[in-house]
Amino acid sequence: MIVVYTSPGCAGCRKVKRWLKDRNVPYIEKNIFKVLLNENEIKHLLVRSENGADDIISKRSKIIQESGVDIDSMTTDELIHFIQQNPSVLKRPIILDEKSFQVGYDSEEVTVFEPNELRSIVDGYSCDGCPVYSGCGEVRKEAAAAADGEKPAAAPESSTH
């Protein structure tokens, strides 16, 4: 199950929730200001992140800036307690499931949370039988050629799409 750590007023949080809803992907939302994160949850976030605290904590947050606290010198227990007392230091949204972990919303990277069934439909789709393939198929070929640095073929004289 996908878990999304959010906060009110977070644009990235709204985007990821909309993305998941648009694809009918079930998820659990945890508002970091309404639900106290327990010690195990915070440890889990730290372990799952590639660079530990650096990935999930915003060192630009007001609390860190004003207090001058040094996250890097804290023990794990001190860090966990600090996050529990100051959840606003967490970057948002934090999205994770059994296999994937993402901090922040990125429209391309969030696709790792796409259900396998949906991904297999998209991957297996072939537009050769499409009634407008003569038009859009040529456009796709031109785009692929341009991406490869080749000179695009001449466009068809008439196409409707």
N, C-alpha and C. Protein backbone atom coordinates (compact mmCIF):
# COMPACT_ATOMS: atom_id res chain seq x y z
N MET A 1 0.84 -1.19 0.00
CA MET A 1 0.00 0.00 0.00
C MET A 1 0.88 1.25 0.00
N ILE A 2 0.48 2.22 -0.77
CA ILE A 2 1.20 3.49 -0.85
C ILE A 2 0.83 4.35 0.34
N VAL A 3 1.84 4.96 0.94
CA VAL A 3 1.64 5.90 2.04
C VAL A 3 2.19 7.25 1.57
N VAL A 4 1.39 8.31 1.77
CA VAL A 4 1.80 9.65 1.39
C VAL A 4 1.77 10.53 2.63
N TYR A 5 2.95 11.05 3.00
CA TYR A 5 3.05 11.98 4.11
C TYR A 5 2.85 13.38 3.55
N THR A 6 1.85 14.10 4.07
CA THR A 6 1.45 15.39 3.52
C THR A 6 1.36 16.45 4.61
N SER A 7 1.07 17.67 4.15
CA SER A 7 0.73 18.77 5.04
C SER A 7 -0.24 19.68 4.31
N PRO A 8 -1.04 20.43 5.06
CA PRO A 8 -1.97 21.36 4.41
C PRO A 8 -1.18 22.44 3.66
N GLY A 9 -1.72 22.87 2.56
CA GLY A 9 -1.09 23.95 1.81
C GLY A 9 0.10 23.54 0.97
N CYS A 10 0.38 22.27 0.90
CA CYS A 10 1.53 21.77 0.14
C CYS A 10 1.09 21.45 -1.29
N ALA A 11 1.59 22.24 -2.26
CA ALA A 11 1.19 22.05 -3.66
C ALA A 11 1.60 20.67 -4.19
N GLY A 12 2.80 20.23 -3.86
CA GLY A 12 3.26 18.91 -4.30
C GLY A 12 2.39 17.80 -3.73
N CYS A 13 1.93 17.99 -2.51
CA CYS A 13 1.05 16.99 -1.87
C CYS A 13 -0.27 16.90 -2.63
N ARG A 14 -0.83 18.05 -2.99
CA ARG A 14 -2.08 18.06 -3.76
C ARG A 14 -1.88 17.38 -5.12
N LYS A 15 -0.75 17.65 -5.75
CA LYS A 15 -0.48 17.05 -7.07
C LYS A 15 -0.37 15.54 -6.99
N VAL A 16 0.36 15.02 -6.00
CA VAL A 16 0.52 13.56 -5.92
C VAL A 16 -0.82 12.90 -5.56
N LYS A 17 -1.60 13.53 -4.70
CA LYS A 17 -2.91 12.95 -4.35
C LYS A 17 -3.82 12.95 -5.58
N ARG A 18 -3.79 14.02 -6.38
CA ARG A 18 -4.59 14.08 -7.61
C ARG A 18 -4.11 13.01 -8.59
N TRP A 19 -2.81 12.85 -8.72
CA TRP A 19 -2.24 11.85 -9.64
C TRP A 19 -2.72 10.45 -9.24
N LEU A 20 -2.66 10.15 -7.96
CA LEU A 20 -3.09 8.83 -7.48
C LEU A 20 -4.60 8.64 -7.68
N LYS A 21 -5.39 9.67 -7.36
CA LYS A 21 -6.85 9.57 -7.53
C LYS A 21 -7.23 9.40 -9.00
N ASP A 22 -6.55 10.13 -9.89
CA ASP A 22 -6.85 10.04 -11.32
C ASP A 22 -6.60 8.63 -11.86
N ARG A 23 -5.73 7.88 -11.22
CA ARG A 23 -5.41 6.52 -11.67
C ARG A 23 -6.06 5.46 -10.78
N ASN A 24 -6.94 5.90 -9.88
CA ASN A 24 -7.64 5.00 -8.96
C ASN A 24 -6.67 4.13 -8.16
N VAL A 25 -5.56 4.74 -7.75
CA VAL A 25 -4.56 4.02 -6.96
C VAL A 25 -4.86 4.28 -5.48
N PRO A 26 -5.11 3.22 -4.73
CA PRO A 26 -5.39 3.42 -3.30
C PRO A 26 -4.13 3.84 -2.55
N TYR A 27 -4.32 4.69 -1.56
CA TYR A 27 -3.20 5.16 -0.75
C TYR A 27 -3.69 5.57 0.62
N ILE A 28 -2.75 5.66 1.54
CA ILE A 28 -3.03 6.15 2.88
C ILE A 28 -2.35 7.50 3.00
N GLU A 29 -3.12 8.50 3.41
CA GLU A 29 -2.55 9.83 3.61
C GLU A 29 -2.30 10.04 5.09
N LYS A 30 -1.11 10.54 5.40
CA LYS A 30 -0.76 10.86 6.79
C LYS A 30 -0.35 12.33 6.83
N ASN A 31 -1.23 13.15 7.39
CA ASN A 31 -0.94 14.56 7.55
C ASN A 31 0.02 14.68 8.72
N ILE A 32 1.23 15.16 8.46
CA ILE A 32 2.28 15.17 9.50
C ILE A 32 1.98 16.13 10.64
N PHE A 33 1.00 17.02 10.45
CA PHE A 33 0.65 17.95 11.53
C PHE A 33 -0.53 17.46 12.36
N LYS A 34 -1.26 16.46 11.85
CA LYS A 34 -2.40 15.91 12.59
C LYS A 34 -2.08 14.61 13.29
N VAL A 35 -1.14 13.85 12.73
CA VAL A 35 -0.80 12.54 13.26
C VAL A 35 0.65 12.56 13.71
N LEU A 36 0.88 12.26 14.97
CA LEU A 36 2.26 12.19 15.47
C LEU A 36 2.93 10.96 14.87
N LEU A 37 4.02 11.18 14.17
CA LEU A 37 4.75 10.06 13.60
C LEU A 37 5.44 9.30 14.72
N ASN A 38 5.27 8.00 14.73
CA ASN A 38 5.91 7.23 15.80
C ASN A 38 7.37 6.95 15.45
N GLU A 39 8.09 6.50 16.42
CA GLU A 39 9.53 6.25 16.27
C GLU A 39 9.84 5.30 15.12
N ASN A 40 9.06 4.22 15.01
CA ASN A 40 9.30 3.24 13.96
C ASN A 40 9.06 3.81 12.56
N GLU A 41 8.04 4.67 12.42
CA GLU A 41 7.78 5.30 11.12
C GLU A 41 8.95 6.17 10.69
N ILE A 42 9.45 6.97 11.62
CA ILE A 42 10.56 7.86 11.30
C ILE A 42 11.81 7.05 10.97
N LYS A 43 12.08 6.01 11.74
CA LYS A 43 13.23 5.14 11.44
C LYS A 43 13.08 4.54 10.05
N HIS A 44 11.87 4.10 9.73
CA HIS A 44 11.60 3.51 8.43
C HIS A 44 11.88 4.52 7.31
N LEU A 45 11.46 5.75 7.47
CA LEU A 45 11.73 6.79 6.47
C LEU A 45 13.23 7.03 6.32
N LEU A 46 13.93 7.06 7.43
CA LEU A 46 15.38 7.28 7.39
C LEU A 46 16.11 6.13 6.70
N VAL A 47 15.67 4.91 6.97
CA VAL A 47 16.31 3.73 6.38
C VAL A 47 16.01 3.66 4.88
N ARG A 48 14.78 3.97 4.49
CA ARG A 48 14.39 3.87 3.09
C ARG A 48 15.00 4.96 2.21
N SER A 49 15.31 6.11 2.81
CA SER A 49 15.88 7.19 2.01
C SER A 49 17.33 6.89 1.70
N GLU A 50 17.75 7.26 0.51
CA GLU A 50 19.09 6.94 0.04
C GLU A 50 20.17 7.62 0.88
N ASN A 51 19.92 8.86 1.28
CA ASN A 51 20.91 9.64 2.03
C ASN A 51 20.45 9.98 3.44
N GLY A 52 19.58 9.16 4.00
CA GLY A 52 19.12 9.37 5.36
C GLY A 52 18.44 10.72 5.57
N ALA A 53 18.83 11.39 6.63
CA ALA A 53 18.19 12.65 7.02
C ALA A 53 18.29 13.71 5.93
N ASP A 54 19.37 13.71 5.17
CA ASP A 54 19.53 14.72 4.12
C ASP A 54 18.40 14.66 3.09
N ASP A 55 17.85 13.48 2.84
CA ASP A 55 16.79 13.34 1.84
C ASP A 55 15.43 13.78 2.36
N ILE A 56 15.18 13.63 3.64
CA ILE A 56 13.83 13.90 4.14
C ILE A 56 13.70 15.17 4.98
N ILE A 57 14.80 15.77 5.37
CA ILE A 57 14.75 16.97 6.22
C ILE A 57 15.18 18.19 5.42
N SER A 58 14.37 19.23 5.52
CA SER A 58 14.69 20.49 4.86
C SER A 58 15.55 21.33 5.80
N LYS A 59 16.81 21.46 5.44
CA LYS A 59 17.71 22.26 6.27
C LYS A 59 17.43 23.75 6.12
N ARG A 60 16.57 24.11 5.18
CA ARG A 60 16.16 25.50 5.01
C ARG A 60 14.92 25.82 5.84
N SER A 61 14.39 24.84 6.56
CA SER A 61 13.18 25.09 7.34
C SER A 61 13.43 26.16 8.39
N LYS A 62 12.39 26.87 8.71
CA LYS A 62 12.48 28.00 9.65
C LYS A 62 13.03 27.54 11.01
N ILE A 63 12.57 26.41 11.48
CA ILE A 63 13.00 25.91 12.80
C ILE A 63 14.50 25.64 12.83
N ILE A 64 15.01 25.01 11.79
CA ILE A 64 16.44 24.70 11.74
C ILE A 64 17.25 25.99 11.58
N GLN A 65 16.79 26.89 10.74
CA GLN A 65 17.49 28.15 10.53
C GLN A 65 17.56 28.99 11.81
N GLU A 66 16.41 29.09 12.51
CA GLU A 66 16.35 29.94 13.70
C GLU A 66 17.04 29.32 14.91
N SER A 67 16.96 28.02 15.04
CA SER A 67 17.53 27.38 16.23
C SER A 67 19.02 27.07 16.06
N GLY A 68 19.46 27.01 14.81
CA GLY A 68 20.86 26.69 14.55
C GLY A 68 21.22 25.26 14.91
N VAL A 69 20.21 24.40 15.01
CA VAL A 69 20.44 23.00 15.38
C VAL A 69 21.25 22.30 14.28
N ASP A 70 22.13 21.41 14.68
CA ASP A 70 22.96 20.66 13.74
C ASP A 70 22.43 19.24 13.64
N ILE A 71 21.67 18.99 12.60
CA ILE A 71 21.06 17.67 12.39
C ILE A 71 22.13 16.58 12.31
N ASP A 72 23.23 16.89 11.66
CA ASP A 72 24.28 15.88 11.43
C ASP A 72 24.95 15.42 12.72
N SER A 73 24.90 16.22 13.77
CA SER A 73 25.55 15.83 15.02
C SER A 73 24.61 15.09 15.97
N MET A 74 23.35 14.95 15.58
CA MET A 74 22.37 14.28 16.44
C MET A 74 22.50 12.76 16.35
N THR A 75 22.19 12.10 17.46
CA THR A 75 22.07 10.65 17.44
C THR A 75 20.74 10.33 16.75
N THR A 76 20.54 9.09 16.40
CA THR A 76 19.29 8.69 15.76
C THR A 76 18.11 8.98 16.66
N ASP A 77 18.23 8.66 17.95
CA ASP A 77 17.13 8.92 18.89
C ASP A 77 16.85 10.42 19.01
N GLU A 78 17.89 11.23 19.06
CA GLU A 78 17.70 12.68 19.14
C GLU A 78 17.01 13.21 17.87
N LEU A 79 17.42 12.69 16.74
CA LEU A 79 16.84 13.11 15.47
C LEU A 79 15.36 12.74 15.40
N ILE A 80 15.04 11.52 15.81
CA ILE A 80 13.65 11.06 15.81
C ILE A 80 12.80 11.96 16.71
N HIS A 81 13.28 12.23 17.89
CA HIS A 81 12.56 13.10 18.83
C HIS A 81 12.39 14.50 18.24
N PHE A 82 13.45 15.02 17.61
CA PHE A 82 13.40 16.34 17.00
C PHE A 82 12.33 16.39 15.90
N ILE A 83 12.26 15.36 15.06
CA ILE A 83 11.25 15.30 14.00
C ILE A 83 9.85 15.22 14.59
N GLN A 84 9.69 14.41 15.65
CA GLN A 84 8.39 14.30 16.27
C GLN A 84 7.92 15.65 16.83
N GLN A 85 8.83 16.40 17.42
CA GLN A 85 8.48 17.70 18.00
C GLN A 85 8.36 18.80 16.94
N ASN A 86 9.00 18.60 15.78
CA ASN A 86 9.03 19.62 14.72
C ASN A 86 8.77 18.99 13.35
N PRO A 87 7.57 18.49 13.12
CA PRO A 87 7.30 17.79 11.86
C PRO A 87 7.47 18.68 10.63
N SER A 88 7.43 19.98 10.80
CA SER A 88 7.57 20.88 9.65
C SER A 88 8.96 20.81 9.01
N VAL A 89 9.93 20.17 9.67
CA VAL A 89 11.26 20.04 9.07
C VAL A 89 11.29 18.98 7.97
N LEU A 90 10.25 18.15 7.90
CA LEU A 90 10.20 17.12 6.86
C LEU A 90 9.85 17.72 5.51
N LYS A 91 10.57 17.29 4.48
CA LYS A 91 10.22 17.65 3.12
C LYS A 91 8.91 16.95 2.79
N ARG A 92 8.13 17.55 1.90
CA ARG A 92 6.84 16.97 1.56
C ARG A 92 6.57 17.12 0.07
N PRO A 93 5.79 16.21 -0.47
CA PRO A 93 5.30 14.98 0.13
C PRO A 93 6.40 13.91 0.16
N ILE A 94 6.20 12.96 1.04
CA ILE A 94 7.03 11.76 1.05
C ILE A 94 6.10 10.63 0.65
N ILE A 95 6.48 9.91 -0.41
CA ILE A 95 5.63 8.87 -0.97
C ILE A 95 6.41 7.57 -0.93
N LEU A 96 5.80 6.51 -0.41
CA LEU A 96 6.49 5.23 -0.41
C LEU A 96 5.53 4.07 -0.45
N ASP A 97 6.03 2.99 -0.97
CA ASP A 97 5.35 1.70 -0.90
C ASP A 97 6.41 0.65 -0.61
N GLU A 98 6.10 -0.60 -0.86
CA GLU A 98 7.03 -1.67 -0.52
C GLU A 98 8.33 -1.58 -1.31
N LYS A 99 8.26 -1.05 -2.56
CA LYS A 99 9.42 -1.05 -3.44
C LYS A 99 10.03 0.33 -3.68
N SER A 100 9.22 1.37 -3.63
CA SER A 100 9.68 2.69 -4.07
C SER A 100 9.58 3.72 -2.96
N PHE A 101 10.40 4.77 -3.11
CA PHE A 101 10.47 5.86 -2.13
C PHE A 101 10.75 7.14 -2.89
N GLN A 102 9.94 8.16 -2.68
CA GLN A 102 10.13 9.43 -3.37
C GLN A 102 9.84 10.58 -2.42
N VAL A 103 10.68 11.60 -2.50
CA VAL A 103 10.46 12.82 -1.72
C VAL A 103 10.19 13.93 -2.71
N GLY A 104 9.07 14.64 -2.52
CA GLY A 104 8.67 15.69 -3.44
C GLY A 104 7.89 15.09 -4.59
N TYR A 105 7.19 15.97 -5.31
CA TYR A 105 6.41 15.52 -6.46
C TYR A 105 7.18 15.79 -7.74
N ASP A 106 7.36 14.76 -8.53
CA ASP A 106 7.98 14.87 -9.84
C ASP A 106 7.08 14.07 -10.78
N SER A 107 6.52 14.73 -11.80
CA SER A 107 5.53 14.09 -12.66
C SER A 107 6.06 12.87 -13.40
N GLU A 108 7.37 12.79 -13.61
CA GLU A 108 7.92 11.62 -14.29
C GLU A 108 8.28 10.52 -13.29
N GLU A 109 8.89 10.90 -12.18
CA GLU A 109 9.32 9.90 -11.20
C GLU A 109 8.16 9.24 -10.46
N VAL A 110 7.03 9.95 -10.33
CA VAL A 110 5.90 9.40 -9.60
C VAL A 110 5.30 8.18 -10.31
N THR A 111 5.64 7.99 -11.57
CA THR A 111 5.09 6.85 -12.31
C THR A 111 5.56 5.50 -11.75
N VAL A 112 6.58 5.49 -10.89
CA VAL A 112 6.99 4.23 -10.28
C VAL A 112 5.88 3.67 -9.39
N PHE A 113 4.92 4.52 -9.01
CA PHE A 113 3.81 4.09 -8.18
C PHE A 113 2.59 3.66 -9.00
N GLU A 114 2.74 3.66 -10.33
CA GLU A 114 1.67 3.24 -11.21
C GLU A 114 1.46 1.73 -11.05
N PRO A 115 0.24 1.29 -10.95
CA PRO A 115 0.00 -0.15 -10.81
C PRO A 115 0.54 -0.93 -12.00
N ASN A 116 1.04 -2.12 -11.75
CA ASN A 116 1.60 -2.96 -12.82
C ASN A 116 0.60 -3.20 -13.94
N GLU A 117 -0.69 -3.37 -13.58
CA GLU A 117 -1.70 -3.62 -14.60
C GLU A 117 -1.77 -2.46 -15.58
N LEU A 118 -1.76 -1.23 -15.06
CA LEU A 118 -1.83 -0.06 -15.92
C LEU A 118 -0.56 0.09 -16.74
N ARG A 119 0.58 -0.16 -16.12
CA ARG A 119 1.86 -0.04 -16.82
C ARG A 119 1.93 -1.06 -17.97
N SER A 120 1.44 -2.29 -17.75
CA SER A 120 1.50 -3.31 -18.80
C SER A 120 0.58 -2.96 -19.97
N ILE A 121 -0.53 -2.28 -19.71
CA ILE A 121 -1.42 -1.86 -20.79
C ILE A 121 -0.70 -0.83 -21.65
N VAL A 122 -0.09 0.15 -21.02
CA VAL A 122 0.62 1.20 -21.74
C VAL A 122 1.81 0.63 -22.49
N ASP A 123 2.61 -0.23 -21.84
CA ASP A 123 3.79 -0.81 -22.48
C ASP A 123 3.42 -1.68 -23.67
N GLY A 124 2.30 -2.38 -23.59
CA GLY A 124 1.91 -3.31 -24.65
C GLY A 124 1.08 -2.67 -25.74
N TYR A 125 0.81 -1.38 -25.64
CA TYR A 125 -0.04 -0.71 -26.61
C TYR A 125 0.70 -0.49 -27.92
N SER A 126 0.07 -0.84 -28.99
CA SER A 126 0.63 -0.61 -30.32
C SER A 126 -0.39 0.17 -31.13
N CYS A 127 0.05 1.21 -31.77
CA CYS A 127 -0.92 2.03 -32.51
C CYS A 127 -0.92 1.71 -34.01
N ASP A 128 -0.31 0.60 -34.43
CA ASP A 128 -0.28 0.26 -35.85
C ASP A 128 -1.69 0.15 -36.45
N GLY A 129 -2.63 -0.33 -35.66
CA GLY A 129 -3.99 -0.51 -36.16
C GLY A 129 -4.85 0.72 -36.02
N CYS A 130 -4.31 1.78 -35.51
CA CYS A 130 -5.06 3.02 -35.29
C CYS A 130 -5.46 3.63 -36.64
N PRO A 131 -6.71 4.11 -36.78
CA PRO A 131 -7.15 4.67 -38.05
C PRO A 131 -6.39 5.94 -38.46
N VAL A 132 -5.78 6.64 -37.53
CA VAL A 132 -5.02 7.85 -37.88
C VAL A 132 -3.52 7.62 -37.76
N TYR A 133 -3.09 6.35 -37.81
CA TYR A 133 -1.68 6.05 -37.67
C TYR A 133 -0.84 6.72 -38.74
N SER A 134 -1.39 6.86 -39.95
CA SER A 134 -0.60 7.48 -41.02
C SER A 134 -0.16 8.88 -40.62
N GLY A 135 -0.97 9.58 -39.86
CA GLY A 135 -0.59 10.91 -39.39
C GLY A 135 0.25 10.88 -38.13
N CYS A 136 -0.29 10.30 -37.08
CA CYS A 136 0.42 10.34 -35.80
C CYS A 136 1.64 9.41 -35.81
N GLY A 137 1.57 8.34 -36.57
CA GLY A 137 2.72 7.45 -36.66
C GLY A 137 3.91 8.16 -37.27
N GLU A 138 3.65 8.98 -38.28
CA GLU A 138 4.72 9.76 -38.91
C GLU A 138 5.28 10.79 -37.93
N VAL A 139 4.40 11.42 -37.18
CA VAL A 139 4.84 12.41 -36.19
C VAL A 139 5.74 11.74 -35.16
N ARG A 140 5.36 10.56 -34.72
CA ARG A 140 6.18 9.82 -33.75
C ARG A 140 7.54 9.45 -34.34
N LYS A 141 7.55 9.02 -35.60
CA LYS A 141 8.81 8.68 -36.25
C LYS A 141 9.72 9.90 -36.35
N GLU A 142 9.14 11.06 -36.71
CA GLU A 142 9.91 12.29 -36.82
C GLU A 142 10.48 12.68 -35.47
N ALA A 143 9.67 12.57 -34.44
CA ALA A 143 10.13 12.92 -33.10
C ALA A 143 11.27 12.00 -32.67
N ALA A 144 11.15 10.72 -32.96
CA ALA A 144 12.20 9.76 -32.61
C ALA A 144 13.48 10.07 -33.38
N ALA A 145 13.33 10.40 -34.67
CA ALA A 145 14.49 10.72 -35.50
C ALA A 145 15.17 11.99 -34.98
N ALA A 146 14.37 12.98 -34.62
CA ALA A 146 14.93 14.24 -34.10
C ALA A 146 15.66 13.99 -32.79
N ALA A 147 15.12 13.13 -31.97
CA ALA A 147 15.76 12.80 -30.69
C ALA A 147 17.09 12.10 -30.91
N ASP A 148 17.18 11.34 -31.99
CA ASP A 148 18.42 10.64 -32.32
C ASP A 148 19.39 11.51 -33.12
N GLY A 149 18.98 12.75 -33.42
CA GLY A 149 19.84 13.67 -34.15
C GLY A 149 19.80 13.50 -35.65
N GLU A 150 18.83 12.73 -36.14
CA GLU A 150 18.71 12.53 -37.58
C GLU A 150 17.83 13.61 -38.18
N LYS A 151 17.97 13.81 -39.47
CA LYS A 151 17.12 14.75 -40.17
C LYS A 151 15.75 14.10 -40.32
N PRO A 152 14.69 14.80 -39.90
CA PRO A 152 13.35 14.20 -40.00
C PRO A 152 12.93 14.01 -41.45
N ALA A 153 12.15 12.98 -41.66
CA ALA A 153 11.63 12.71 -42.99
C ALA A 153 10.60 13.79 -43.35
N ALA A 154 10.35 13.96 -44.62
CA ALA A 154 9.35 14.95 -45.04
C ALA A 154 8.00 14.56 -44.50
N ALA A 155 7.25 15.55 -44.10
CA ALA A 155 5.93 15.30 -43.52
C ALA A 155 4.97 14.89 -44.61
N PRO A 156 3.98 14.05 -44.29
CA PRO A 156 2.99 13.67 -45.30
C PRO A 156 2.24 14.92 -45.77
N GLU A 157 1.80 14.89 -47.03
CA GLU A 157 1.15 16.07 -47.58
C GLU A 157 -0.15 16.38 -46.90
N SER A 158 -0.90 15.39 -46.53
CA SER A 158 -2.16 15.67 -45.84
C SER A 158 -2.38 14.60 -44.79
N SER A 159 -2.73 15.06 -43.65
CA SER A 159 -3.05 14.12 -42.58
C SER A 159 -4.08 14.75 -41.67
N THR A 160 -4.97 13.95 -41.20
CA THR A 160 -5.99 14.44 -40.27
C THR A 160 -5.83 13.72 -38.97
N HIS A 161 -5.85 14.49 -37.91
CA HIS A 161 -5.69 13.89 -36.57
C HIS A 161 -6.40 14.71 -35.54
